[in-house]
Amino acid sequence: MLKEVTKDMLIGEILQADATVAPILMASGMHCIGCPASQVEEAAMVHGIDSDELVTKINEYLATKNA
């Protein structure tokens, strides 16, 4: 069970641990879930997304889901 993500994690490892995070990535404008070798921070930068905000959003979701 995935409890928390960090900016240096690979998108693939996040999705492998919990595929329900995919809609959060997609809604944030990160449609690169098919490129699982990218780190969250790098992928966010390429897409003009604040990686800290994205990680916070995912971790809030995981905290609610795992409560």
N, C-alpha and C. Protein backbone atom coordinates (compact mmCIF):
# COMPACT_ATOMS: atom_id res chain seq x y z
N MET A 1 0.85 -1.18 0.00
CA MET A 1 0.00 0.00 0.00
C MET A 1 0.89 1.24 0.00
N LEU A 2 0.61 2.15 -0.90
CA LEU A 2 1.35 3.40 -1.04
C LEU A 2 0.83 4.38 0.00
N LYS A 3 1.73 4.89 0.85
CA LYS A 3 1.32 5.82 1.90
C LYS A 3 1.68 7.26 1.59
N GLU A 4 2.78 7.46 0.84
CA GLU A 4 3.23 8.81 0.55
C GLU A 4 4.12 8.79 -0.69
N VAL A 5 4.07 9.88 -1.46
CA VAL A 5 4.94 10.01 -2.61
C VAL A 5 5.90 11.18 -2.39
N THR A 6 7.01 11.14 -3.10
CA THR A 6 7.97 12.23 -3.09
C THR A 6 8.27 12.62 -4.53
N LYS A 7 8.87 13.80 -4.70
CA LYS A 7 9.15 14.30 -6.05
C LYS A 7 10.15 13.45 -6.81
N ASP A 8 10.97 12.70 -6.09
CA ASP A 8 12.00 11.91 -6.78
C ASP A 8 11.53 10.51 -7.15
N MET A 9 10.29 10.18 -6.82
CA MET A 9 9.76 8.86 -7.19
C MET A 9 9.44 8.82 -8.68
N LEU A 10 9.53 7.64 -9.24
CA LEU A 10 9.16 7.46 -10.64
C LEU A 10 7.65 7.32 -10.75
N ILE A 11 7.11 7.89 -11.80
CA ILE A 11 5.67 7.79 -12.02
C ILE A 11 5.25 6.32 -12.09
N GLY A 12 6.06 5.51 -12.73
CA GLY A 12 5.75 4.09 -12.85
C GLY A 12 5.65 3.39 -11.52
N GLU A 13 6.55 3.70 -10.59
CA GLU A 13 6.49 3.04 -9.29
C GLU A 13 5.28 3.51 -8.49
N ILE A 14 4.88 4.75 -8.66
CA ILE A 14 3.69 5.26 -7.98
C ILE A 14 2.46 4.54 -8.52
N LEU A 15 2.35 4.47 -9.84
CA LEU A 15 1.18 3.83 -10.45
C LEU A 15 1.14 2.33 -10.19
N GLN A 16 2.31 1.71 -10.12
CA GLN A 16 2.35 0.28 -9.82
C GLN A 16 1.87 0.03 -8.39
N ALA A 17 2.23 0.92 -7.48
CA ALA A 17 1.82 0.76 -6.09
C ALA A 17 0.36 1.11 -5.88
N ASP A 18 -0.15 2.10 -6.65
CA ASP A 18 -1.54 2.51 -6.50
C ASP A 18 -2.01 3.19 -7.78
N ALA A 19 -2.63 2.43 -8.64
CA ALA A 19 -3.09 2.93 -9.94
C ALA A 19 -4.19 3.98 -9.80
N THR A 20 -4.83 4.08 -8.64
CA THR A 20 -5.90 5.07 -8.47
C THR A 20 -5.37 6.49 -8.42
N VAL A 21 -4.05 6.66 -8.41
CA VAL A 21 -3.44 7.99 -8.45
C VAL A 21 -3.48 8.56 -9.87
N ALA A 22 -3.63 7.72 -10.86
CA ALA A 22 -3.62 8.15 -12.27
C ALA A 22 -4.57 9.31 -12.56
N PRO A 23 -5.81 9.29 -12.09
CA PRO A 23 -6.69 10.43 -12.38
C PRO A 23 -6.18 11.76 -11.82
N ILE A 24 -5.48 11.73 -10.70
CA ILE A 24 -4.92 12.96 -10.14
C ILE A 24 -3.84 13.50 -11.07
N LEU A 25 -2.99 12.61 -11.56
CA LEU A 25 -1.95 13.03 -12.51
C LEU A 25 -2.59 13.59 -13.77
N MET A 26 -3.57 12.91 -14.29
CA MET A 26 -4.23 13.35 -15.52
C MET A 26 -4.93 14.69 -15.32
N ALA A 27 -5.64 14.86 -14.21
CA ALA A 27 -6.36 16.10 -13.94
C ALA A 27 -5.41 17.28 -13.75
N SER A 28 -4.19 16.99 -13.34
CA SER A 28 -3.20 18.04 -13.15
C SER A 28 -2.54 18.45 -14.46
N GLY A 29 -2.85 17.73 -15.53
CA GLY A 29 -2.27 18.04 -16.83
C GLY A 29 -1.08 17.18 -17.18
N MET A 30 -0.80 16.21 -16.35
CA MET A 30 0.32 15.31 -16.60
C MET A 30 -0.22 14.05 -17.27
N HIS A 31 -0.19 14.07 -18.58
CA HIS A 31 -0.73 12.95 -19.35
C HIS A 31 0.35 11.95 -19.72
N CYS A 32 1.46 12.00 -19.00
CA CYS A 32 2.60 11.15 -19.34
C CYS A 32 2.61 9.87 -18.49
N ILE A 33 1.45 9.43 -18.07
CA ILE A 33 1.43 8.22 -17.26
C ILE A 33 1.90 7.01 -18.07
N GLY A 34 1.95 7.16 -19.36
CA GLY A 34 2.48 6.10 -20.21
C GLY A 34 4.00 6.16 -20.29
N CYS A 35 4.60 7.13 -19.64
CA CYS A 35 6.06 7.27 -19.60
C CYS A 35 6.50 7.06 -18.16
N PRO A 36 6.44 5.84 -17.68
CA PRO A 36 6.64 5.56 -16.26
C PRO A 36 8.06 5.76 -15.76
N ALA A 37 9.03 5.98 -16.63
CA ALA A 37 10.41 6.15 -16.19
C ALA A 37 10.71 7.57 -15.73
N SER A 38 9.75 8.48 -15.89
CA SER A 38 9.96 9.86 -15.50
C SER A 38 9.77 10.04 -14.00
N GLN A 39 10.61 10.89 -13.43
CA GLN A 39 10.41 11.26 -12.03
C GLN A 39 9.31 12.31 -11.97
N VAL A 40 8.59 12.34 -10.86
CA VAL A 40 7.49 13.28 -10.70
C VAL A 40 7.98 14.71 -10.92
N GLU A 41 9.08 15.07 -10.30
CA GLU A 41 9.57 16.44 -10.39
C GLU A 41 9.93 16.81 -11.83
N GLU A 42 10.63 15.92 -12.54
CA GLU A 42 11.01 16.19 -13.93
C GLU A 42 9.79 16.29 -14.84
N ALA A 43 8.88 15.35 -14.68
CA ALA A 43 7.68 15.35 -15.52
C ALA A 43 6.84 16.60 -15.26
N ALA A 44 6.72 16.98 -14.00
CA ALA A 44 5.96 18.18 -13.67
C ALA A 44 6.59 19.42 -14.31
N MET A 45 7.91 19.51 -14.26
CA MET A 45 8.60 20.65 -14.85
C MET A 45 8.33 20.73 -16.36
N VAL A 46 8.41 19.61 -17.03
CA VAL A 46 8.18 19.57 -18.48
C VAL A 46 6.77 20.05 -18.82
N HIS A 47 5.82 19.73 -17.95
CA HIS A 47 4.42 20.07 -18.21
C HIS A 47 4.00 21.39 -17.55
N GLY A 48 4.94 22.09 -16.94
CA GLY A 48 4.62 23.37 -16.32
C GLY A 48 3.76 23.24 -15.08
N ILE A 49 3.93 22.15 -14.36
CA ILE A 49 3.14 21.89 -13.16
C ILE A 49 4.04 22.05 -11.95
N ASP A 50 3.52 22.63 -10.88
CA ASP A 50 4.27 22.76 -9.63
C ASP A 50 4.34 21.39 -8.98
N SER A 51 5.53 20.82 -8.90
CA SER A 51 5.68 19.46 -8.37
C SER A 51 5.32 19.37 -6.90
N ASP A 52 5.58 20.42 -6.14
CA ASP A 52 5.23 20.41 -4.72
C ASP A 52 3.70 20.34 -4.55
N GLU A 53 2.98 21.13 -5.35
CA GLU A 53 1.52 21.09 -5.28
C GLU A 53 0.99 19.72 -5.68
N LEU A 54 1.56 19.14 -6.72
CA LEU A 54 1.12 17.84 -7.18
C LEU A 54 1.36 16.77 -6.12
N VAL A 55 2.55 16.76 -5.53
CA VAL A 55 2.88 15.79 -4.49
C VAL A 55 1.94 15.96 -3.30
N THR A 56 1.68 17.21 -2.92
CA THR A 56 0.76 17.48 -1.81
C THR A 56 -0.63 16.94 -2.12
N LYS A 57 -1.10 17.18 -3.33
CA LYS A 57 -2.43 16.72 -3.73
C LYS A 57 -2.51 15.19 -3.68
N ILE A 58 -1.49 14.52 -4.19
CA ILE A 58 -1.48 13.06 -4.17
C ILE A 58 -1.42 12.55 -2.74
N ASN A 59 -0.57 13.15 -1.91
CA ASN A 59 -0.44 12.69 -0.53
C ASN A 59 -1.70 12.94 0.28
N GLU A 60 -2.40 14.04 0.01
CA GLU A 60 -3.69 14.28 0.68
C GLU A 60 -4.69 13.20 0.28
N TYR A 61 -4.71 12.86 -1.00
CA TYR A 61 -5.60 11.80 -1.47
C TYR A 61 -5.27 10.47 -0.79
N LEU A 62 -3.97 10.13 -0.75
CA LEU A 62 -3.56 8.87 -0.13
C LEU A 62 -3.89 8.84 1.36
N ALA A 63 -3.72 9.96 2.05
CA ALA A 63 -4.04 10.00 3.48
C ALA A 63 -5.52 9.76 3.72
N THR A 64 -6.35 10.34 2.87
CA THR A 64 -7.80 10.13 2.98
C THR A 64 -8.17 8.69 2.65
N LYS A 65 -7.56 8.17 1.60
CA LYS A 65 -7.85 6.81 1.15
C LYS A 65 -7.40 5.78 2.19
N ASN A 66 -6.26 6.02 2.81
CA ASN A 66 -5.68 5.04 3.73
C ASN A 66 -6.13 5.25 5.17
N ALA A 67 -7.00 6.23 5.39
CA ALA A 67 -7.45 6.51 6.78
C ALA A 67 -8.35 5.43 7.32
